[in-house]
Amino acid sequence: MENRFRIEGDFDDGFLIEKDGVHFSIDKRVDGDIWFRSSSDVLELPINGFAREEEEYETFQVFEDLMKLIIGRYYLSGDAKSQYNCLPKDFINSDQKAITWHSDSGREDILKMQLKGNDIFISLIKDMRYAVDSARHDKSVRVRIRTSGSEYGYYYQEFEKFYRELSRLTTRLRRDPPTMGTVQKQKTTQTP
């Protein structure tokens, strides 16, 4: 199977991330909330940290930075040890190297980021065990990162930085398009 990866978009219109025909989008609304969306009820997309394609490698770095920022804040702030914190109990799983974010508008829609080997697996999942409104049975997943009043408190700030970094990456990739994963050979001149 061919390992084709692409990321496109901009700050205003959002981003599309696709690998081998599997894709999801990330966009920011007027109210500042960030949304991860998938048209299927289960999506799992691995982003390789040792990819030959510049787009995939640099996208991995942006997701890796997001995970490090969230986990770092979680442990440095004392939330990991506080028995009174109000964060969801499955937010950080350090044994599995995973972050789980239940949508701020319906807990059945879940974003999971997990480091497995050299890949970060981005998963968008609909888990009807968490559904409050059973009338919503469409297959799409819409995970909302609320920038005010989130159940996750101030952890949305890392997602705002992440969104800006994706914008910088796609702007640079549009300006200097990467070659298709091939290494360009340089001509050398020999001196007598």
N, C-alpha and C. Protein backbone atom coordinates (compact mmCIF):
# COMPACT_ATOMS: atom_id res chain seq x y z
N MET A 1 0.84 -1.18 0.00
CA MET A 1 0.00 0.00 0.00
C MET A 1 0.88 1.24 0.00
N GLU A 2 0.55 2.17 -0.83
CA GLU A 2 1.32 3.41 -0.92
C GLU A 2 1.03 4.31 0.27
N ASN A 3 2.08 4.86 0.82
CA ASN A 3 1.97 5.68 2.02
C ASN A 3 1.94 7.15 1.63
N ARG A 4 0.81 7.65 1.14
CA ARG A 4 0.68 9.03 0.67
C ARG A 4 0.06 9.89 1.77
N PHE A 5 0.72 10.98 2.05
CA PHE A 5 0.28 11.89 3.10
C PHE A 5 0.16 13.28 2.52
N ARG A 6 -0.84 14.03 2.99
CA ARG A 6 -0.93 15.44 2.60
C ARG A 6 -1.64 16.23 3.69
N ILE A 7 -1.24 17.49 3.79
CA ILE A 7 -1.90 18.44 4.66
C ILE A 7 -2.08 19.70 3.84
N GLU A 8 -3.26 20.28 3.93
CA GLU A 8 -3.52 21.53 3.20
C GLU A 8 -4.50 22.37 3.99
N GLY A 9 -4.51 23.65 3.67
CA GLY A 9 -5.43 24.57 4.32
C GLY A 9 -4.72 25.79 4.83
N ASP A 10 -5.48 26.60 5.58
CA ASP A 10 -4.91 27.80 6.18
C ASP A 10 -5.66 28.14 7.45
N PHE A 11 -5.20 29.17 8.14
CA PHE A 11 -5.75 29.55 9.44
C PHE A 11 -7.25 29.86 9.36
N ASP A 12 -7.66 30.55 8.31
CA ASP A 12 -9.06 30.98 8.20
C ASP A 12 -10.01 29.85 7.80
N ASP A 13 -9.58 28.99 6.87
CA ASP A 13 -10.48 27.96 6.34
C ASP A 13 -10.32 26.60 7.02
N GLY A 14 -9.28 26.43 7.81
CA GLY A 14 -9.05 25.15 8.46
C GLY A 14 -8.11 24.27 7.65
N PHE A 15 -7.93 23.05 8.13
CA PHE A 15 -6.93 22.14 7.56
C PHE A 15 -7.55 20.79 7.27
N LEU A 16 -7.04 20.16 6.23
CA LEU A 16 -7.40 18.79 5.90
C LEU A 16 -6.12 17.97 6.00
N ILE A 17 -6.18 16.88 6.75
CA ILE A 17 -5.05 15.97 6.86
C ILE A 17 -5.51 14.64 6.32
N GLU A 18 -4.72 14.09 5.38
CA GLU A 18 -5.11 12.85 4.70
C GLU A 18 -3.91 11.94 4.55
N LYS A 19 -4.15 10.65 4.74
CA LYS A 19 -3.12 9.63 4.51
C LYS A 19 -3.81 8.39 3.97
N ASP A 20 -3.36 7.95 2.81
CA ASP A 20 -3.90 6.73 2.18
C ASP A 20 -5.42 6.73 2.10
N GLY A 21 -5.99 7.88 1.76
CA GLY A 21 -7.44 7.98 1.56
C GLY A 21 -8.24 8.22 2.84
N VAL A 22 -7.62 8.13 4.00
CA VAL A 22 -8.28 8.41 5.27
C VAL A 22 -8.01 9.87 5.61
N HIS A 23 -9.05 10.62 5.97
CA HIS A 23 -8.83 12.04 6.23
C HIS A 23 -9.75 12.57 7.32
N PHE A 24 -9.29 13.67 7.92
CA PHE A 24 -10.09 14.42 8.87
C PHE A 24 -9.74 15.89 8.72
N SER A 25 -10.60 16.74 9.28
CA SER A 25 -10.36 18.18 9.17
C SER A 25 -10.28 18.80 10.56
N ILE A 26 -9.61 19.94 10.60
CA ILE A 26 -9.48 20.73 11.82
C ILE A 26 -9.80 22.17 11.42
N ASP A 27 -10.74 22.80 12.12
CA ASP A 27 -11.02 24.20 11.79
C ASP A 27 -11.34 24.98 13.05
N LYS A 28 -11.30 26.29 12.90
CA LYS A 28 -11.56 27.20 14.02
C LYS A 28 -12.76 28.05 13.67
N ARG A 29 -13.72 28.11 14.57
CA ARG A 29 -14.94 28.87 14.36
C ARG A 29 -14.78 30.32 14.80
N VAL A 30 -15.76 31.13 14.49
CA VAL A 30 -15.76 32.54 14.85
C VAL A 30 -15.63 32.73 16.36
N ASP A 31 -16.23 31.82 17.14
CA ASP A 31 -16.17 31.93 18.60
C ASP A 31 -14.83 31.51 19.18
N GLY A 32 -13.90 31.05 18.30
CA GLY A 32 -12.57 30.64 18.74
C GLY A 32 -12.44 29.16 19.04
N ASP A 33 -13.55 28.42 19.05
CA ASP A 33 -13.50 27.00 19.33
C ASP A 33 -12.86 26.26 18.15
N ILE A 34 -12.09 25.23 18.47
CA ILE A 34 -11.41 24.41 17.47
C ILE A 34 -12.17 23.09 17.36
N TRP A 35 -12.40 22.66 16.12
CA TRP A 35 -13.16 21.44 15.86
C TRP A 35 -12.32 20.45 15.06
N PHE A 36 -12.32 19.19 15.50
CA PHE A 36 -11.77 18.07 14.74
C PHE A 36 -12.97 17.32 14.18
N ARG A 37 -12.97 17.03 12.87
CA ARG A 37 -14.15 16.40 12.24
C ARG A 37 -13.75 15.23 11.35
N SER A 38 -14.61 14.23 11.37
CA SER A 38 -14.47 13.08 10.49
C SER A 38 -15.86 12.68 10.01
N SER A 39 -15.94 12.19 8.79
CA SER A 39 -17.24 11.77 8.28
C SER A 39 -17.59 10.34 8.67
N SER A 40 -16.65 9.59 9.25
CA SER A 40 -16.95 8.24 9.70
C SER A 40 -16.92 8.18 11.22
N ASP A 41 -17.56 7.15 11.79
CA ASP A 41 -17.66 7.07 13.25
C ASP A 41 -16.41 6.52 13.92
N VAL A 42 -15.48 5.98 13.15
CA VAL A 42 -14.19 5.55 13.67
C VAL A 42 -13.14 5.90 12.64
N LEU A 43 -12.19 6.71 13.04
CA LEU A 43 -11.09 7.09 12.15
C LEU A 43 -9.80 6.90 12.93
N GLU A 44 -8.83 6.28 12.29
CA GLU A 44 -7.51 6.16 12.90
C GLU A 44 -6.49 6.45 11.81
N LEU A 45 -5.70 7.48 12.04
CA LEU A 45 -4.73 7.92 11.05
C LEU A 45 -3.36 8.02 11.72
N PRO A 46 -2.40 7.17 11.32
CA PRO A 46 -1.06 7.25 11.90
C PRO A 46 -0.21 8.29 11.16
N ILE A 47 0.51 9.10 11.93
CA ILE A 47 1.44 10.07 11.37
C ILE A 47 2.83 9.64 11.81
N ASN A 48 3.70 9.36 10.84
CA ASN A 48 5.00 8.75 11.12
C ASN A 48 6.05 9.81 11.42
N GLY A 49 6.77 9.61 12.51
CA GLY A 49 7.83 10.52 12.92
C GLY A 49 9.11 10.35 12.14
N PHE A 50 9.24 9.27 11.39
CA PHE A 50 10.43 9.04 10.57
C PHE A 50 10.06 8.98 9.08
N ALA A 51 8.99 9.67 8.73
CA ALA A 51 8.52 9.66 7.34
C ALA A 51 9.54 10.34 6.43
N ARG A 52 9.61 9.87 5.21
CA ARG A 52 10.50 10.49 4.23
C ARG A 52 9.89 11.77 3.67
N GLU A 53 8.57 11.84 3.63
CA GLU A 53 7.90 13.02 3.11
C GLU A 53 7.96 14.14 4.15
N GLU A 54 8.39 15.29 3.73
CA GLU A 54 8.52 16.45 4.61
C GLU A 54 7.19 16.81 5.26
N GLU A 55 6.10 16.75 4.50
CA GLU A 55 4.78 17.12 5.04
C GLU A 55 4.41 16.26 6.24
N GLU A 56 4.59 14.95 6.11
CA GLU A 56 4.21 14.05 7.19
C GLU A 56 5.14 14.21 8.39
N TYR A 57 6.43 14.28 8.14
CA TYR A 57 7.40 14.44 9.22
C TYR A 57 7.13 15.71 10.03
N GLU A 58 6.90 16.82 9.35
CA GLU A 58 6.68 18.08 10.06
C GLU A 58 5.31 18.14 10.72
N THR A 59 4.32 17.48 10.15
CA THR A 59 3.01 17.39 10.80
C THR A 59 3.13 16.56 12.08
N PHE A 60 3.91 15.48 12.02
CA PHE A 60 4.18 14.68 13.22
C PHE A 60 4.76 15.57 14.32
N GLN A 61 5.72 16.42 13.96
CA GLN A 61 6.35 17.29 14.95
C GLN A 61 5.34 18.24 15.60
N VAL A 62 4.40 18.76 14.82
CA VAL A 62 3.39 19.67 15.38
C VAL A 62 2.49 18.91 16.37
N PHE A 63 2.06 17.69 16.02
CA PHE A 63 1.23 16.90 16.93
C PHE A 63 2.04 16.47 18.16
N GLU A 64 3.31 16.13 17.96
CA GLU A 64 4.16 15.74 19.08
C GLU A 64 4.31 16.91 20.06
N ASP A 65 4.51 18.11 19.53
CA ASP A 65 4.61 19.29 20.40
C ASP A 65 3.32 19.51 21.19
N LEU A 66 2.18 19.31 20.54
CA LEU A 66 0.90 19.44 21.24
C LEU A 66 0.82 18.46 22.40
N MET A 67 1.17 17.22 22.15
CA MET A 67 1.11 16.20 23.20
C MET A 67 2.07 16.53 24.34
N LYS A 68 3.28 16.96 24.00
CA LYS A 68 4.26 17.30 25.04
C LYS A 68 3.79 18.48 25.88
N LEU A 69 3.20 19.48 25.24
CA LEU A 69 2.70 20.65 25.98
C LEU A 69 1.59 20.26 26.96
N ILE A 70 0.65 19.44 26.49
CA ILE A 70 -0.47 19.03 27.35
C ILE A 70 0.04 18.17 28.51
N ILE A 71 0.85 17.17 28.20
CA ILE A 71 1.34 16.26 29.24
C ILE A 71 2.25 17.01 30.21
N GLY A 72 3.10 17.90 29.68
CA GLY A 72 3.98 18.69 30.55
C GLY A 72 3.19 19.54 31.51
N ARG A 73 2.19 20.23 31.01
CA ARG A 73 1.36 21.08 31.88
C ARG A 73 0.64 20.22 32.92
N TYR A 74 0.14 19.07 32.50
CA TYR A 74 -0.61 18.17 33.38
C TYR A 74 0.23 17.76 34.57
N TYR A 75 1.49 17.39 34.33
CA TYR A 75 2.34 16.95 35.43
C TYR A 75 2.94 18.12 36.20
N LEU A 76 3.35 19.16 35.51
CA LEU A 76 3.97 20.30 36.19
C LEU A 76 2.96 21.09 37.03
N SER A 77 1.70 21.14 36.60
CA SER A 77 0.69 21.90 37.34
C SER A 77 0.20 21.15 38.58
N GLY A 78 0.50 19.87 38.66
CA GLY A 78 0.04 19.08 39.80
C GLY A 78 -1.29 18.40 39.57
N ASP A 79 -1.89 18.59 38.37
CA ASP A 79 -3.18 17.94 38.08
C ASP A 79 -3.07 16.42 38.13
N ALA A 80 -1.90 15.88 37.83
CA ALA A 80 -1.72 14.43 37.82
C ALA A 80 -1.84 13.85 39.23
N LYS A 81 -1.46 14.63 40.23
CA LYS A 81 -1.47 14.12 41.61
C LYS A 81 -2.66 14.60 42.42
N SER A 82 -3.35 15.61 41.95
CA SER A 82 -4.46 16.17 42.72
C SER A 82 -5.69 15.27 42.64
N GLN A 83 -6.14 14.85 43.79
CA GLN A 83 -7.36 14.02 43.80
C GLN A 83 -8.61 14.85 43.61
N TYR A 84 -8.46 16.19 43.67
CA TYR A 84 -9.61 17.07 43.56
C TYR A 84 -9.73 17.74 42.21
N ASN A 85 -8.82 17.44 41.27
CA ASN A 85 -8.96 18.10 39.97
C ASN A 85 -10.23 17.61 39.30
N CYS A 86 -10.80 18.47 38.47
CA CYS A 86 -12.09 18.15 37.86
C CYS A 86 -11.93 17.65 36.42
N LEU A 87 -10.71 17.31 36.03
CA LEU A 87 -10.48 16.80 34.67
C LEU A 87 -11.03 15.39 34.54
N PRO A 88 -11.48 15.02 33.35
CA PRO A 88 -11.94 13.64 33.14
C PRO A 88 -10.83 12.64 33.47
N LYS A 89 -11.18 11.55 34.07
CA LYS A 89 -10.19 10.57 34.53
C LYS A 89 -9.39 9.93 33.40
N ASP A 90 -9.94 9.90 32.18
CA ASP A 90 -9.22 9.28 31.07
C ASP A 90 -8.46 10.30 30.22
N PHE A 91 -8.29 11.52 30.71
CA PHE A 91 -7.64 12.58 29.95
C PHE A 91 -6.20 12.21 29.55
N ILE A 92 -5.38 11.85 30.52
CA ILE A 92 -3.99 11.48 30.27
C ILE A 92 -3.77 10.06 30.75
N ASN A 93 -3.23 9.22 29.86
CA ASN A 93 -2.82 7.87 30.24
C ASN A 93 -1.34 7.76 29.92
N SER A 94 -0.51 7.97 30.93
CA SER A 94 0.94 7.98 30.69
C SER A 94 1.48 6.60 30.35
N ASP A 95 0.85 5.53 30.84
CA ASP A 95 1.30 4.18 30.50
C ASP A 95 1.14 3.88 29.01
N GLN A 96 0.02 4.34 28.45
CA GLN A 96 -0.24 4.10 27.02
C GLN A 96 0.20 5.27 26.15
N LYS A 97 0.76 6.32 26.75
CA LYS A 97 1.20 7.53 26.03
C LYS A 97 0.05 8.09 25.19
N ALA A 98 -1.08 8.30 25.86
CA ALA A 98 -2.29 8.72 25.16
C ALA A 98 -2.97 9.90 25.85
N ILE A 99 -3.57 10.76 25.02
CA ILE A 99 -4.40 11.87 25.47
C ILE A 99 -5.78 11.65 24.88
N THR A 100 -6.81 11.74 25.71
CA THR A 100 -8.19 11.55 25.26
C THR A 100 -8.98 12.80 25.58
N TRP A 101 -9.64 13.35 24.56
CA TRP A 101 -10.45 14.57 24.75
C TRP A 101 -11.87 14.27 24.29
N HIS A 102 -12.81 14.24 25.23
CA HIS A 102 -14.22 14.10 24.90
C HIS A 102 -14.71 15.47 24.45
N SER A 103 -15.47 15.51 23.39
CA SER A 103 -15.94 16.78 22.84
C SER A 103 -16.62 17.62 23.91
N ASP A 104 -16.39 18.93 23.83
CA ASP A 104 -17.05 19.84 24.75
C ASP A 104 -18.51 20.07 24.39
N SER A 105 -19.00 19.39 23.36
CA SER A 105 -20.44 19.43 23.06
C SER A 105 -20.87 18.01 22.70
N GLY A 106 -20.97 17.17 23.69
CA GLY A 106 -21.37 15.79 23.50
C GLY A 106 -20.20 14.85 23.74
N ARG A 107 -20.16 14.18 24.88
CA ARG A 107 -19.01 13.34 25.26
C ARG A 107 -18.84 12.11 24.39
N GLU A 108 -19.82 11.78 23.56
CA GLU A 108 -19.68 10.58 22.73
C GLU A 108 -18.66 10.74 21.61
N ASP A 109 -18.35 11.97 21.22
CA ASP A 109 -17.35 12.23 20.19
C ASP A 109 -16.00 12.44 20.87
N ILE A 110 -15.01 11.64 20.47
CA ILE A 110 -13.74 11.58 21.19
C ILE A 110 -12.57 11.77 20.23
N LEU A 111 -11.61 12.59 20.64
CA LEU A 111 -10.32 12.72 19.98
C LEU A 111 -9.30 12.01 20.86
N LYS A 112 -8.53 11.11 20.25
CA LYS A 112 -7.49 10.43 20.99
C LYS A 112 -6.19 10.57 20.21
N MET A 113 -5.13 10.96 20.90
CA MET A 113 -3.80 11.04 20.31
C MET A 113 -2.92 10.09 21.11
N GLN A 114 -2.27 9.15 20.40
CA GLN A 114 -1.48 8.15 21.10
C GLN A 114 -0.19 7.89 20.36
N LEU A 115 0.91 7.91 21.10
CA LEU A 115 2.22 7.59 20.54
C LEU A 115 2.41 6.09 20.63
N LYS A 116 2.61 5.46 19.46
CA LYS A 116 2.89 4.03 19.40
C LYS A 116 4.12 3.86 18.52
N GLY A 117 5.24 3.53 19.12
CA GLY A 117 6.47 3.39 18.35
C GLY A 117 6.87 4.72 17.74
N ASN A 118 7.00 4.75 16.42
CA ASN A 118 7.39 5.96 15.71
C ASN A 118 6.20 6.74 15.16
N ASP A 119 4.99 6.34 15.50
CA ASP A 119 3.79 6.97 14.96
C ASP A 119 2.97 7.61 16.07
N ILE A 120 2.32 8.72 15.72
CA ILE A 120 1.26 9.26 16.56
C ILE A 120 -0.04 8.91 15.84
N PHE A 121 -0.87 8.15 16.51
CA PHE A 121 -2.16 7.76 15.96
C PHE A 121 -3.20 8.79 16.39
N ILE A 122 -3.81 9.42 15.40
CA ILE A 122 -4.90 10.34 15.65
C ILE A 122 -6.19 9.56 15.42
N SER A 123 -7.00 9.47 16.45
CA SER A 123 -8.26 8.73 16.35
C SER A 123 -9.42 9.66 16.66
N LEU A 124 -10.44 9.57 15.83
CA LEU A 124 -11.71 10.25 16.07
C LEU A 124 -12.75 9.14 16.17
N ILE A 125 -13.43 9.07 17.30
CA ILE A 125 -14.27 7.93 17.63
C ILE A 125 -15.62 8.42 18.14
N LYS A 126 -16.66 7.73 17.76
CA LYS A 126 -17.98 7.96 18.35
C LYS A 126 -18.26 6.79 19.29
N ASP A 127 -18.41 7.07 20.56
CA ASP A 127 -18.68 6.05 21.56
C ASP A 127 -20.05 6.35 22.18
N MET A 128 -21.05 5.62 21.76
CA MET A 128 -22.43 5.88 22.17
C MET A 128 -22.68 5.58 23.65
N ARG A 129 -21.72 4.97 24.34
CA ARG A 129 -21.89 4.77 25.79
C ARG A 129 -21.94 6.10 26.52
N TYR A 130 -21.33 7.13 25.92
CA TYR A 130 -21.31 8.45 26.55
C TYR A 130 -22.43 9.35 26.06
N ALA A 131 -23.25 8.87 25.14
CA ALA A 131 -24.27 9.73 24.52
C ALA A 131 -25.36 10.11 25.51
N VAL A 132 -25.64 11.39 25.56
CA VAL A 132 -26.76 11.89 26.36
C VAL A 132 -27.99 11.96 25.47
N ASP A 133 -27.79 12.44 24.24
CA ASP A 133 -28.87 12.59 23.27
C ASP A 133 -28.78 11.43 22.28
N SER A 134 -29.58 10.41 22.48
CA SER A 134 -29.52 9.24 21.61
C SER A 134 -30.13 9.51 20.24
N ALA A 135 -30.70 10.70 20.04
CA ALA A 135 -31.30 11.03 18.74
C ALA A 135 -30.22 11.27 17.68
N ARG A 136 -29.00 11.58 18.09
CA ARG A 136 -27.93 11.86 17.13
C ARG A 136 -27.19 10.56 16.79
N HIS A 137 -27.58 9.97 15.68
CA HIS A 137 -27.00 8.68 15.29
C HIS A 137 -26.24 8.76 13.97
N ASP A 138 -25.91 9.96 13.51
CA ASP A 138 -25.15 10.01 12.27
C ASP A 138 -23.74 9.49 12.54
N LYS A 139 -23.05 9.12 11.48
CA LYS A 139 -21.74 8.51 11.63
C LYS A 139 -20.61 9.50 11.84
N SER A 140 -20.85 10.77 11.62
CA SER A 140 -19.77 11.74 11.72
C SER A 140 -19.33 11.94 13.17
N VAL A 141 -18.07 12.34 13.31
CA VAL A 141 -17.51 12.66 14.62
C VAL A 141 -17.12 14.14 14.58
N ARG A 142 -17.55 14.87 15.60
CA ARG A 142 -17.25 16.31 15.70
C ARG A 142 -16.78 16.59 17.12
N VAL A 143 -15.47 16.74 17.27
CA VAL A 143 -14.90 16.98 18.59
C VAL A 143 -14.62 18.47 18.73
N ARG A 144 -15.22 19.06 19.73
CA ARG A 144 -15.10 20.50 19.97
C ARG A 144 -14.11 20.76 21.11
N ILE A 145 -13.15 21.62 20.84
CA ILE A 145 -12.23 22.10 21.87
C ILE A 145 -12.73 23.51 22.22
N ARG A 146 -13.48 23.63 23.29
CA ARG A 146 -14.09 24.91 23.66
C ARG A 146 -13.04 25.81 24.32
N THR A 147 -13.01 27.07 23.89
CA THR A 147 -12.02 28.01 24.42
C THR A 147 -12.53 28.79 25.64
N SER A 148 -13.76 28.56 26.02
CA SER A 148 -14.25 29.14 27.26
C SER A 148 -15.28 28.18 27.84
N GLY A 149 -15.12 27.85 29.10
CA GLY A 149 -16.06 26.96 29.76
C GLY A 149 -15.86 25.49 29.44
N SER A 150 -14.66 25.11 29.04
CA SER A 150 -14.39 23.71 28.74
C SER A 150 -14.27 22.90 30.02
N GLU A 151 -14.69 21.64 29.94
CA GLU A 151 -14.52 20.72 31.05
C GLU A 151 -13.03 20.49 31.33
N TYR A 152 -12.20 20.78 30.34
CA TYR A 152 -10.75 20.58 30.46
C TYR A 152 -10.03 21.84 30.92
N GLY A 153 -10.77 22.82 31.38
CA GLY A 153 -10.16 24.03 31.93
C GLY A 153 -9.30 24.76 30.92
N TYR A 154 -8.09 25.10 31.31
CA TYR A 154 -7.20 25.90 30.46
C TYR A 154 -6.38 25.07 29.48
N TYR A 155 -6.63 23.78 29.37
CA TYR A 155 -5.85 22.95 28.45
C TYR A 155 -6.16 23.25 26.98
N TYR A 156 -7.20 24.02 26.71
CA TYR A 156 -7.48 24.43 25.34
C TYR A 156 -6.37 25.30 24.78
N GLN A 157 -5.60 25.96 25.65
CA GLN A 157 -4.55 26.87 25.19
C GLN A 157 -3.50 26.15 24.34
N GLU A 158 -3.21 24.92 24.68
CA GLU A 158 -2.26 24.15 23.88
C GLU A 158 -2.80 23.89 22.48
N PHE A 159 -4.11 23.71 22.36
CA PHE A 159 -4.71 23.51 21.04
C PHE A 159 -4.68 24.79 20.21
N GLU A 160 -4.81 25.94 20.86
CA GLU A 160 -4.69 27.19 20.12
C GLU A 160 -3.28 27.36 19.54
N LYS A 161 -2.27 27.04 20.32
CA LYS A 161 -0.89 27.09 19.83
C LYS A 161 -0.70 26.09 18.70
N PHE A 162 -1.23 24.89 18.87
CA PHE A 162 -1.17 23.84 17.86
C PHE A 162 -1.79 24.33 16.54
N TYR A 163 -2.93 24.99 16.61
CA TYR A 163 -3.61 25.48 15.42
C TYR A 163 -2.76 26.53 14.69
N ARG A 164 -2.13 27.43 15.45
CA ARG A 164 -1.23 28.43 14.85
C ARG A 164 -0.03 27.75 14.19
N GLU A 165 0.50 26.69 14.82
CA GLU A 165 1.65 25.98 14.25
C GLU A 165 1.27 25.26 12.95
N LEU A 166 0.06 24.69 12.90
CA LEU A 166 -0.40 24.08 11.65
C LEU A 166 -0.49 25.12 10.55
N SER A 167 -0.95 26.31 10.91
CA SER A 167 -1.05 27.40 9.93
C SER A 167 0.33 27.79 9.40
N ARG A 168 1.28 27.91 10.30
CA ARG A 168 2.66 28.24 9.87
C ARG A 168 3.21 27.15 8.95
N LEU A 169 2.96 25.90 9.30
CA LEU A 169 3.45 24.79 8.49
C LEU A 169 2.84 24.82 7.09
N THR A 170 1.52 24.95 6.99
CA THR A 170 0.89 24.92 5.66
C THR A 170 1.26 26.14 4.83
N THR A 171 1.45 27.28 5.48
CA THR A 171 1.88 28.49 4.76
C THR A 171 3.27 28.26 4.17
N ARG A 172 4.16 27.71 4.97
CA ARG A 172 5.52 27.44 4.48
C ARG A 172 5.53 26.38 3.38
N LEU A 173 4.71 25.35 3.53
CA LEU A 173 4.66 24.30 2.51
C LEU A 173 4.09 24.81 1.19
N ARG A 174 3.15 25.77 1.26
CA ARG A 174 2.64 26.37 0.02
C ARG A 174 3.71 27.23 -0.65
N ARG A 175 4.47 27.94 0.17
CA ARG A 175 5.51 28.83 -0.35
C ARG A 175 6.67 28.02 -0.93
N ASP A 176 7.08 26.96 -0.24
CA ASP A 176 8.20 26.11 -0.68
C ASP A 176 7.71 24.67 -0.74
N PRO A 177 7.01 24.29 -1.83
CA PRO A 177 6.45 22.93 -1.89
C PRO A 177 7.54 21.87 -1.78
N PRO A 178 7.28 20.83 -0.97
CA PRO A 178 8.27 19.77 -0.81
C PRO A 178 8.33 18.90 -2.07
N THR A 179 9.47 18.28 -2.26
CA THR A 179 9.57 17.31 -3.35
C THR A 179 8.88 16.04 -2.88
N MET A 180 8.56 15.18 -3.79
CA MET A 180 7.75 14.00 -3.50
C MET A 180 8.51 12.90 -2.76
N GLY A 181 9.18 13.24 -1.66
CA GLY A 181 9.84 12.23 -0.85
C GLY A 181 11.13 11.72 -1.44
N THR A 182 11.59 12.37 -2.46
CA THR A 182 12.84 11.92 -3.06
C THR A 182 13.95 12.87 -2.65
N VAL A 183 15.12 12.34 -2.59
CA VAL A 183 16.28 13.15 -2.25
C VAL A 183 16.88 13.65 -3.55
N GLN A 184 17.03 14.95 -3.66
CA GLN A 184 17.61 15.55 -4.86
C GLN A 184 19.12 15.40 -4.82
N LYS A 185 19.68 14.94 -5.91
CA LYS A 185 21.13 14.83 -6.00
C LYS A 185 21.69 16.18 -6.46
N GLN A 186 22.72 16.62 -5.80
CA GLN A 186 23.35 17.85 -6.19
C GLN A 186 24.43 17.57 -7.21
N LYS A 187 24.54 18.48 -8.18
CA LYS A 187 25.64 18.38 -9.14
C LYS A 187 26.89 18.88 -8.45
N THR A 188 27.93 18.15 -8.62
CA THR A 188 29.20 18.58 -8.05
C THR A 188 30.18 18.83 -9.17
N THR A 189 31.01 19.78 -8.96
CA THR A 189 32.05 20.05 -9.95
C THR A 189 33.37 19.62 -9.37
N GLN A 190 34.13 18.99 -10.17
CA GLN A 190 35.44 18.52 -9.72
C GLN A 190 36.49 19.56 -10.08
N THR A 191 37.36 19.76 -9.17
CA THR A 191 38.45 20.68 -9.45
C THR A 191 39.68 19.89 -9.85
N PRO A 192 40.43 20.43 -10.83
CA PRO A 192 41.60 19.68 -11.28
C PRO A 192 42.70 19.64 -10.25
